[in-house]
Amino acid sequence: MKLRRPYQLAVERLVANLPFDEVNWALTGSVAHRLRGADIVCHDVDVQTDAPGAYDIATGLRQWVVDPVELRSSARMRSHFGRLRFDDLQVDV
């Protein structure tokens, strides 16, 4: 399945701006499923990485950061989480 243009541009921006020799990351969530052929609607882009990678992503894409990466905890999850915005598209790290 093809991604709609805003999602395609978001993936291209990630690929163009992340240092692959330093950051291990993967697309997850609806965008990853869509790229694998699932007929689903995407609402955001989810990027998964390790803790150092989350901070590296935020640094490499700092002009798009809307919520800085920080350690967040809940009863079900503990994560170094941040949020970017590419135009009107939310990117969760």
PDB file of N, CA and C in Angstrom:
ATOM      1  N   MET A   1       0.841  -1.173   0.000  1.00  0.00           N
ATOM      2  CA  MET A   1       0.000   0.000   0.000  1.00  0.00           C
ATOM      3  C   MET A   1       0.893   1.246   0.000  1.00  0.00           C
ATOM      4  N   LYS A   2       0.456   2.246  -0.671  1.00  0.00           N
ATOM      5  CA  LYS A   2       1.179   3.508  -0.683  1.00  0.00           C
ATOM      6  C   LYS A   2       0.718   4.373   0.485  1.00  0.00           C
ATOM      7  N   LEU A   3       1.637   5.188   0.938  1.00  0.00           N
ATOM      8  CA  LEU A   3       1.309   6.170   1.968  1.00  0.00           C
ATOM      9  C   LEU A   3       0.772   7.429   1.294  1.00  0.00           C
ATOM     10  N   ARG A   4      -0.151   8.097   1.980  1.00  0.00           N
ATOM     11  CA  ARG A   4      -0.567   9.408   1.500  1.00  0.00           C
ATOM     12  C   ARG A   4       0.638  10.338   1.572  1.00  0.00           C
ATOM     13  N   ARG A   5       0.641  11.354   0.752  1.00  0.00           N
ATOM     14  CA  ARG A   5       1.794  12.239   0.570  1.00  0.00           C
ATOM     15  C   ARG A   5       2.366  12.811   1.879  1.00  0.00           C
ATOM     16  N   PRO A   6       1.549  13.307   2.825  1.00  0.00           N
ATOM     17  CA  PRO A   6       2.149  13.845   4.060  1.00  0.00           C
ATOM     18  C   PRO A   6       2.953  12.803   4.834  1.00  0.00           C
ATOM     19  N   TYR A   7       2.477  11.560   4.836  1.00  0.00           N
ATOM     20  CA  TYR A   7       3.178  10.491   5.551  1.00  0.00           C
ATOM     21  C   TYR A   7       4.453  10.106   4.819  1.00  0.00           C
ATOM     22  N   GLN A   8       4.380  10.068   3.508  1.00  0.00           N
ATOM     23  CA  GLN A   8       5.567   9.774   2.704  1.00  0.00           C
ATOM     24  C   GLN A   8       6.633  10.842   2.944  1.00  0.00           C
ATOM     25  N   LEU A   9       6.228  12.106   2.953  1.00  0.00           N
ATOM     26  CA  LEU A   9       7.184  13.189   3.200  1.00  0.00           C
ATOM     27  C   LEU A   9       7.773  13.108   4.598  1.00  0.00           C
ATOM     28  N   ALA A  10       6.976  12.713   5.578  1.00  0.00           N
ATOM     29  CA  ALA A  10       7.480  12.570   6.950  1.00  0.00           C
ATOM     30  C   ALA A  10       8.545  11.488   7.023  1.00  0.00           C
ATOM     31  N   VAL A  11       8.296  10.355   6.389  1.00  0.00           N
ATOM     32  CA  VAL A  11       9.277   9.270   6.377  1.00  0.00           C
ATOM     33  C   VAL A  11      10.547   9.728   5.664  1.00  0.00           C
ATOM     34  N   GLU A  12      10.392  10.413   4.546  1.00  0.00           N
ATOM     35  CA  GLU A  12      11.557  10.923   3.823  1.00  0.00           C
ATOM     36  C   GLU A  12      12.350  11.913   4.679  1.00  0.00           C
ATOM     37  N   ARG A  13      11.655  12.757   5.448  1.00  0.00           N
ATOM     38  CA  ARG A  13      12.338  13.724   6.313  1.00  0.00           C
ATOM     39  C   ARG A  13      13.113  12.995   7.416  1.00  0.00           C
ATOM     40  N   LEU A  14      12.514  11.960   7.979  1.00  0.00           N
ATOM     41  CA  LEU A  14      13.222  11.171   8.990  1.00  0.00           C
ATOM     42  C   LEU A  14      14.486  10.564   8.396  1.00  0.00           C
ATOM     43  N   VAL A  15      14.348   9.931   7.253  1.00  0.00           N
ATOM     44  CA  VAL A  15      15.489   9.268   6.614  1.00  0.00           C
ATOM     45  C   VAL A  15      16.583  10.276   6.275  1.00  0.00           C
ATOM     46  N   ALA A  16      16.208  11.449   5.814  1.00  0.00           N
ATOM     47  CA  ALA A  16      17.189  12.454   5.401  1.00  0.00           C
ATOM     48  C   ALA A  16      17.920  13.097   6.578  1.00  0.00           C
ATOM     49  N   ASN A  17      17.314  13.076   7.765  1.00  0.00           N
ATOM     50  CA  ASN A  17      17.878  13.833   8.884  1.00  0.00           C
ATOM     51  C   ASN A  17      18.443  12.995  10.025  1.00  0.00           C
ATOM     52  N   LEU A  18      18.308  11.693   9.965  1.00  0.00           N
ATOM     53  CA  LEU A  18      18.797  10.877  11.076  1.00  0.00           C
ATOM     54  C   LEU A  18      20.125  10.220  10.740  1.00  0.00           C
ATOM     55  N   PRO A  19      21.076  10.273  11.674  1.00  0.00           N
ATOM     56  CA  PRO A  19      22.379   9.634  11.448  1.00  0.00           C
ATOM     57  C   PRO A  19      22.275   8.125  11.702  1.00  0.00           C
ATOM     58  N   PHE A  20      22.151   7.356  10.631  1.00  0.00           N
ATOM     59  CA  PHE A  20      21.927   5.918  10.762  1.00  0.00           C
ATOM     60  C   PHE A  20      23.068   5.187  11.443  1.00  0.00           C
ATOM     61  N   ASP A  21      24.273   5.748  11.412  1.00  0.00           N
ATOM     62  CA  ASP A  21      25.395   5.099  12.087  1.00  0.00           C
ATOM     63  C   ASP A  21      25.337   5.308  13.598  1.00  0.00           C
ATOM     64  N   GLU A  22      24.464   6.212  14.077  1.00  0.00           N
ATOM     65  CA  GLU A  22      24.360   6.490  15.508  1.00  0.00           C
ATOM     66  C   GLU A  22      23.008   6.122  16.110  1.00  0.00           C
ATOM     67  N   VAL A  23      21.970   6.105  15.311  1.00  0.00           N
ATOM     68  CA  VAL A  23      20.618   5.911  15.838  1.00  0.00           C
ATOM     69  C   VAL A  23      19.966   4.696  15.188  1.00  0.00           C
ATOM     70  N   ASN A  24      19.594   3.730  16.022  1.00  0.00           N
ATOM     71  CA  ASN A  24      18.800   2.595  15.550  1.00  0.00           C
ATOM     72  C   ASN A  24      17.341   2.946  15.791  1.00  0.00           C
ATOM     73  N   TRP A  25      16.547   2.959  14.753  1.00  0.00           N
ATOM     74  CA  TRP A  25      15.143   3.325  14.888  1.00  0.00           C
ATOM     75  C   TRP A  25      14.314   2.524  13.906  1.00  0.00           C
ATOM     76  N   ALA A  26      13.029   2.496  14.168  1.00  0.00           N
ATOM     77  CA  ALA A  26      12.099   1.779  13.291  1.00  0.00           C
ATOM     78  C   ALA A  26      10.761   2.498  13.285  1.00  0.00           C
ATOM     79  N   LEU A  27      10.102   2.447  12.152  1.00  0.00           N
ATOM     80  CA  LEU A  27       8.726   2.912  12.086  1.00  0.00           C
ATOM     81  C   LEU A  27       7.852   1.828  12.688  1.00  0.00           C
ATOM     82  N   THR A  28       6.895   2.220  13.496  1.00  0.00           N
ATOM     83  CA  THR A  28       5.951   1.279  14.076  1.00  0.00           C
ATOM     84  C   THR A  28       4.546   1.836  13.871  1.00  0.00           C
ATOM     85  N   GLY A  29       3.568   1.189  14.425  1.00  0.00           N
ATOM     86  CA  GLY A  29       2.202   1.685  14.352  1.00  0.00           C
ATOM     87  C   GLY A  29       1.601   1.609  12.966  1.00  0.00           C
ATOM     88  N   SER A  30       0.639   2.484  12.722  1.00  0.00           N
ATOM     89  CA  SER A  30      -0.161   2.406  11.495  1.00  0.00           C
ATOM     90  C   SER A  30       0.669   2.622  10.229  1.00  0.00           C
ATOM     91  N   VAL A  31       1.662   3.505  10.262  1.00  0.00           N
ATOM     92  CA  VAL A  31       2.483   3.735   9.069  1.00  0.00           C
ATOM     93  C   VAL A  31       3.252   2.471   8.706  1.00  0.00           C
ATOM     94  N   ALA A  32       3.831   1.802   9.691  1.00  0.00           N
ATOM     95  CA  ALA A  32       4.558   0.555   9.424  1.00  0.00           C
ATOM     96  C   ALA A  32       3.616  -0.511   8.863  1.00  0.00           C
ATOM     97  N   HIS A  33       2.432  -0.612   9.440  1.00  0.00           N
ATOM     98  CA  HIS A  33       1.462  -1.600   8.932  1.00  0.00           C
ATOM     99  C   HIS A  33       1.045  -1.270   7.502  1.00  0.00           C
ATOM    100  N   ARG A  34       0.818  -0.002   7.220  1.00  0.00           N
ATOM    101  CA  ARG A  34       0.420   0.422   5.871  1.00  0.00           C
ATOM    102  C   ARG A  34       1.528   0.091   4.874  1.00  0.00           C
ATOM    103  N   LEU A  35       2.786   0.353   5.240  1.00  0.00           N
ATOM    104  CA  LEU A  35       3.899   0.038   4.342  1.00  0.00           C
ATOM    105  C   LEU A  35       4.012  -1.461   4.074  1.00  0.00           C
ATOM    106  N   ARG A  36       3.513  -2.279   4.994  1.00  0.00           N
ATOM    107  CA  ARG A  36       3.544  -3.726   4.818  1.00  0.00           C
ATOM    108  C   ARG A  36       2.280  -4.255   4.136  1.00  0.00           C
ATOM    109  N   GLY A  37       1.403  -3.335   3.722  1.00  0.00           N
ATOM    110  CA  GLY A  37       0.257  -3.752   2.925  1.00  0.00           C
ATOM    111  C   GLY A  37      -1.090  -3.712   3.601  1.00  0.00           C
ATOM    112  N   ALA A  38      -1.152  -3.343   4.857  1.00  0.00           N
ATOM    113  CA  ALA A  38      -2.437  -3.288   5.550  1.00  0.00           C
ATOM    114  C   ALA A  38      -3.257  -2.107   5.029  1.00  0.00           C
ATOM    115  N   ASP A  39      -4.526  -2.341   4.827  1.00  0.00           N
ATOM    116  CA  ASP A  39      -5.430  -1.300   4.344  1.00  0.00           C
ATOM    117  C   ASP A  39      -6.032  -0.578   5.552  1.00  0.00           C
ATOM    118  N   ILE A  40      -5.216   0.292   6.163  1.00  0.00           N
ATOM    119  CA  ILE A  40      -5.657   1.033   7.345  1.00  0.00           C
ATOM    120  C   ILE A  40      -5.374   2.520   7.165  1.00  0.00           C
ATOM    121  N   VAL A  41      -6.041   3.311   7.954  1.00  0.00           N
ATOM    122  CA  VAL A  41      -5.860   4.758   7.925  1.00  0.00           C
ATOM    123  C   VAL A  41      -4.766   5.141   8.922  1.00  0.00           C
ATOM    124  N   CYS A  42      -3.870   5.985   8.496  1.00  0.00           N
ATOM    125  CA  CYS A  42      -2.808   6.485   9.368  1.00  0.00           C
ATOM    126  C   CYS A  42      -3.234   7.829   9.961  1.00  0.00           C
ATOM    127  N   HIS A  43      -2.921   8.021  11.233  1.00  0.00           N
ATOM    128  CA  HIS A  43      -3.240   9.282  11.893  1.00  0.00           C
ATOM    129  C   HIS A  43      -1.999  10.013  12.390  1.00  0.00           C
ATOM    130  N   ASP A  44      -0.895   9.292  12.541  1.00  0.00           N
ATOM    131  CA  ASP A  44       0.357   9.890  12.974  1.00  0.00           C
ATOM    132  C   ASP A  44       1.484   8.959  12.544  1.00  0.00           C
ATOM    133  N   VAL A  45       2.707   9.344  12.872  1.00  0.00           N
ATOM    134  CA  VAL A  45       3.883   8.516  12.592  1.00  0.00           C
ATOM    135  C   VAL A  45       4.494   8.153  13.935  1.00  0.00           C
ATOM    136  N   ASP A  46       4.753   6.860  14.129  1.00  0.00           N
ATOM    137  CA  ASP A  46       5.366   6.382  15.367  1.00  0.00           C
ATOM    138  C   ASP A  46       6.768   5.880  15.056  1.00  0.00           C
ATOM    139  N   VAL A  47       7.734   6.396  15.813  1.00  0.00           N
ATOM    140  CA  VAL A  47       9.131   6.004  15.664  1.00  0.00           C
ATOM    141  C   VAL A  47       9.565   5.376  16.983  1.00  0.00           C
ATOM    142  N   GLN A  48      10.137   4.182  16.898  1.00  0.00           N
ATOM    143  CA  GLN A  48      10.614   3.500  18.090  1.00  0.00           C
ATOM    144  C   GLN A  48      12.135   3.418  18.045  1.00  0.00           C
ATOM    145  N   THR A  49      12.757   3.643  19.200  1.00  0.00           N
ATOM    146  CA  THR A  49      14.208   3.595  19.321  1.00  0.00           C
ATOM    147  C   THR A  49      14.550   3.340  20.784  1.00  0.00           C
ATOM    148  N   ASP A  50      15.833   3.334  21.104  1.00  0.00           N
ATOM    149  CA  ASP A  50      16.235   3.229  22.507  1.00  0.00           C
ATOM    150  C   ASP A  50      16.315   4.633  23.108  1.00  0.00           C
ATOM    151  N   ALA A  51      16.604   4.715  24.407  1.00  0.00           N
ATOM    152  CA  ALA A  51      16.626   6.014  25.086  1.00  0.00           C
ATOM    153  C   ALA A  51      17.625   6.990  24.453  1.00  0.00           C
ATOM    154  N   PRO A  52      18.887   6.592  24.238  1.00  0.00           N
ATOM    155  CA  PRO A  52      19.808   7.547  23.605  1.00  0.00           C
ATOM    156  C   PRO A  52      19.332   7.964  22.211  1.00  0.00           C
ATOM    157  N   GLY A  53      18.742   7.026  21.486  1.00  0.00           N
ATOM    158  CA  GLY A  53      18.244   7.336  20.152  1.00  0.00           C
ATOM    159  C   GLY A  53      17.135   8.362  20.162  1.00  0.00           C
ATOM    160  N   ALA A  54      16.271   8.312  21.163  1.00  0.00           N
ATOM    161  CA  ALA A  54      15.182   9.285  21.259  1.00  0.00           C
ATOM    162  C   ALA A  54      15.737  10.704  21.380  1.00  0.00           C
ATOM    163  N   TYR A  55      16.767  10.856  22.198  1.00  0.00           N
ATOM    164  CA  TYR A  55      17.374  12.175  22.375  1.00  0.00           C
ATOM    165  C   TYR A  55      18.141  12.597  21.113  1.00  0.00           C
ATOM    166  N   ASP A  56      18.794  11.645  20.448  1.00  0.00           N
ATOM    167  CA  ASP A  56      19.491  11.947  19.190  1.00  0.00           C
ATOM    168  C   ASP A  56      18.511  12.379  18.107  1.00  0.00           C
ATOM    169  N   ILE A  57      17.360  11.707  18.044  1.00  0.00           N
ATOM    170  CA  ILE A  57      16.333  12.084  17.066  1.00  0.00           C
ATOM    171  C   ILE A  57      15.856  13.504  17.352  1.00  0.00           C
ATOM    172  N   ALA A  58      15.584  13.803  18.606  1.00  0.00           N
ATOM    173  CA  ALA A  58      15.124  15.143  18.968  1.00  0.00           C
ATOM    174  C   ALA A  58      16.172  16.203  18.634  1.00  0.00           C
ATOM    175  N   THR A  59      17.436  15.855  18.802  1.00  0.00           N
ATOM    176  CA  THR A  59      18.501  16.799  18.468  1.00  0.00           C
ATOM    177  C   THR A  59      18.607  16.976  16.956  1.00  0.00           C
ATOM    178  N   GLY A  60      18.590  15.877  16.224  1.00  0.00           N
ATOM    179  CA  GLY A  60      18.721  15.936  14.769  1.00  0.00           C
ATOM    180  C   GLY A  60      17.542  16.593  14.076  1.00  0.00           C
ATOM    181  N   LEU A  61      16.393  16.551  14.718  1.00  0.00           N
ATOM    182  CA  LEU A  61      15.175  17.124  14.131  1.00  0.00           C
ATOM    183  C   LEU A  61      14.624  18.241  15.017  1.00  0.00           C
ATOM    184  N   ARG A  62      15.512  18.948  15.720  1.00  0.00           N
ATOM    185  CA  ARG A  62      15.103  19.917  16.745  1.00  0.00           C
ATOM    186  C   ARG A  62      14.156  21.000  16.237  1.00  0.00           C
ATOM    187  N   GLN A  63      14.240  21.369  14.973  1.00  0.00           N
ATOM    188  CA  GLN A  63      13.357  22.432  14.487  1.00  0.00           C
ATOM    189  C   GLN A  63      11.897  21.987  14.415  1.00  0.00           C
ATOM    190  N   TRP A  64      11.640  20.680  14.541  1.00  0.00           N
ATOM    191  CA  TRP A  64      10.275  20.160  14.493  1.00  0.00           C
ATOM    192  C   TRP A  64       9.780  19.664  15.849  1.00  0.00           C
ATOM    193  N   VAL A  65      10.579  19.776  16.900  1.00  0.00           N
ATOM    194  CA  VAL A  65      10.174  19.293  18.226  1.00  0.00           C
ATOM    195  C   VAL A  65       9.087  20.203  18.802  1.00  0.00           C
ATOM    196  N   VAL A  66       7.983  19.583  19.237  1.00  0.00           N
ATOM    197  CA  VAL A  66       6.930  20.335  19.930  1.00  0.00           C
ATOM    198  C   VAL A  66       6.827  19.912  21.395  1.00  0.00           C
ATOM    199  N   ASP A  67       7.174  18.674  21.711  1.00  0.00           N
ATOM    200  CA  ASP A  67       7.263  18.181  23.084  1.00  0.00           C
ATOM    201  C   ASP A  67       8.629  17.526  23.229  1.00  0.00           C
ATOM    202  N   PRO A  68       9.534  18.121  23.989  1.00  0.00           N
ATOM    203  CA  PRO A  68      10.881  17.552  24.129  1.00  0.00           C
ATOM    204  C   PRO A  68      10.845  16.126  24.681  1.00  0.00           C
ATOM    205  N   VAL A  69      11.824  15.344  24.303  1.00  0.00           N
ATOM    206  CA  VAL A  69      11.941  13.987  24.820  1.00  0.00           C
ATOM    207  C   VAL A  69      12.224  14.060  26.311  1.00  0.00           C
ATOM    208  N   GLU A  70      11.487  13.287  27.076  1.00  0.00           N
ATOM    209  CA  GLU A  70      11.713  13.173  28.512  1.00  0.00           C
ATOM    210  C   GLU A  70      11.200  11.818  28.971  1.00  0.00           C
ATOM    211  N   LEU A  71      11.694  11.386  30.097  1.00  0.00           N
ATOM    212  CA  LEU A  71      11.247  10.121  30.671  1.00  0.00           C
ATOM    213  C   LEU A  71       9.833  10.302  31.208  1.00  0.00           C
ATOM    214  N   ARG A  72       8.935   9.468  30.733  1.00  0.00           N
ATOM    215  CA  ARG A  72       7.544   9.507  31.188  1.00  0.00           C
ATOM    216  C   ARG A  72       7.165   8.120  31.677  1.00  0.00           C
ATOM    217  N   SER A  73       6.394   8.094  32.738  1.00  0.00           N
ATOM    218  CA  SER A  73       5.976   6.825  33.333  1.00  0.00           C
ATOM    219  C   SER A  73       4.485   6.833  33.594  1.00  0.00           C
ATOM    220  N   SER A  74       3.900   5.655  33.461  1.00  0.00           N
ATOM    221  CA  SER A  74       2.507   5.436  33.842  1.00  0.00           C
ATOM    222  C   SER A  74       2.439   4.043  34.449  1.00  0.00           C
ATOM    223  N   ALA A  75       1.261   3.613  34.823  1.00  0.00           N
ATOM    224  CA  ALA A  75       1.098   2.278  35.390  1.00  0.00           C
ATOM    225  C   ALA A  75       1.461   1.194  34.377  1.00  0.00           C
ATOM    226  N   ARG A  76       1.340   1.493  33.082  1.00  0.00           N
ATOM    227  CA  ARG A  76       1.559   0.479  32.045  1.00  0.00           C
ATOM    228  C   ARG A  76       2.821   0.676  31.223  1.00  0.00           C
ATOM    229  N   MET A  77       3.481   1.843  31.363  1.00  0.00           N
ATOM    230  CA  MET A  77       4.572   2.131  30.450  1.00  0.00           C
ATOM    231  C   MET A  77       5.599   3.056  31.099  1.00  0.00           C
ATOM    232  N   ARG A  78       6.831   2.898  30.664  1.00  0.00           N
ATOM    233  CA  ARG A  78       7.917   3.807  31.034  1.00  0.00           C
ATOM    234  C   ARG A  78       8.717   4.037  29.762  1.00  0.00           C
ATOM    235  N   SER A  79       8.821   5.283  29.334  1.00  0.00           N
ATOM    236  CA  SER A  79       9.410   5.551  28.030  1.00  0.00           C
ATOM    237  C   SER A  79      10.048   6.929  27.979  1.00  0.00           C
ATOM    238  N   HIS A  80      11.094   7.037  27.186  1.00  0.00           N
ATOM    239  CA  HIS A  80      11.659   8.339  26.838  1.00  0.00           C
ATOM    240  C   HIS A  80      10.878   8.778  25.612  1.00  0.00           C
ATOM    241  N   PHE A  81       9.962   9.704  25.810  1.00  0.00           N
ATOM    242  CA  PHE A  81       8.971  10.052  24.797  1.00  0.00           C
ATOM    243  C   PHE A  81       9.082  11.521  24.418  1.00  0.00           C
ATOM    244  N   GLY A  82       8.900  11.791  23.148  1.00  0.00           N
ATOM    245  CA  GLY A  82       8.843  13.160  22.656  1.00  0.00           C
ATOM    246  C   GLY A  82       7.953  13.218  21.437  1.00  0.00           C
ATOM    247  N   ARG A  83       7.643  14.413  21.028  1.00  0.00           N
ATOM    248  CA  ARG A  83       6.740  14.576  19.886  1.00  0.00           C
ATOM    249  C   ARG A  83       7.287  15.642  18.948  1.00  0.00           C
ATOM    250  N   LEU A  84       7.222  15.339  17.661  1.00  0.00           N
ATOM    251  CA  LEU A  84       7.604  16.266  16.604  1.00  0.00           C
ATOM    252  C   LEU A  84       6.353  16.615  15.810  1.00  0.00           C
ATOM    253  N   ARG A  85       6.437  17.682  15.025  1.00  0.00           N
ATOM    254  CA  ARG A  85       5.346  18.021  14.123  1.00  0.00           C
ATOM    255  C   ARG A  85       5.955  18.435  12.795  1.00  0.00           C
ATOM    256  N   PHE A  86       5.601  17.672  11.763  1.00  0.00           N
ATOM    257  CA  PHE A  86       5.975  18.011  10.388  1.00  0.00           C
ATOM    258  C   PHE A  86       4.708  18.577   9.742  1.00  0.00           C
ATOM    259  N   ASP A  87       4.676  19.873   9.541  1.00  0.00           N
ATOM    260  CA  ASP A  87       3.471  20.553   9.040  1.00  0.00           C
ATOM    261  C   ASP A  87       2.312  20.204   9.964  1.00  0.00           C
ATOM    262  N   ASP A  88       1.297  19.516   9.482  1.00  0.00           N
ATOM    263  CA  ASP A  88       0.147  19.158  10.335  1.00  0.00           C
ATOM    264  C   ASP A  88       0.215  17.721  10.826  1.00  0.00           C
ATOM    265  N   LEU A  89       1.349  17.069  10.662  1.00  0.00           N
ATOM    266  CA  LEU A  89       1.464  15.648  10.982  1.00  0.00           C
ATOM    267  C   LEU A  89       2.257  15.437  12.271  1.00  0.00           C
ATOM    268  N   GLN A  90       1.679  14.694  13.198  1.00  0.00           N
ATOM    269  CA  GLN A  90       2.316  14.388  14.471  1.00  0.00           C
ATOM    270  C   GLN A  90       3.242  13.181  14.317  1.00  0.00           C
ATOM    271  N   VAL A  91       4.431  13.303  14.906  1.00  0.00           N
ATOM    272  CA  VAL A  91       5.415  12.215  14.915  1.00  0.00           C
ATOM    273  C   VAL A  91       5.765  11.944  16.374  1.00  0.00           C
ATOM    274  N   ASP A  92       5.454  10.736  16.854  1.00  0.00           N
ATOM    275  CA  ASP A  92       5.758  10.348  18.228  1.00  0.00           C
ATOM    276  C   ASP A  92       7.045   9.534  18.251  1.00  0.00           C
ATOM    277  N   VAL A  93       7.940   9.893  19.159  1.00  0.00           N
ATOM    278  CA  VAL A  93       9.214   9.189  19.316  1.00  0.00           C
ATOM    279  C   VAL A  93       9.227   8.572  20.702  1.00  0.00           C
TER     280      VAL A  93
END
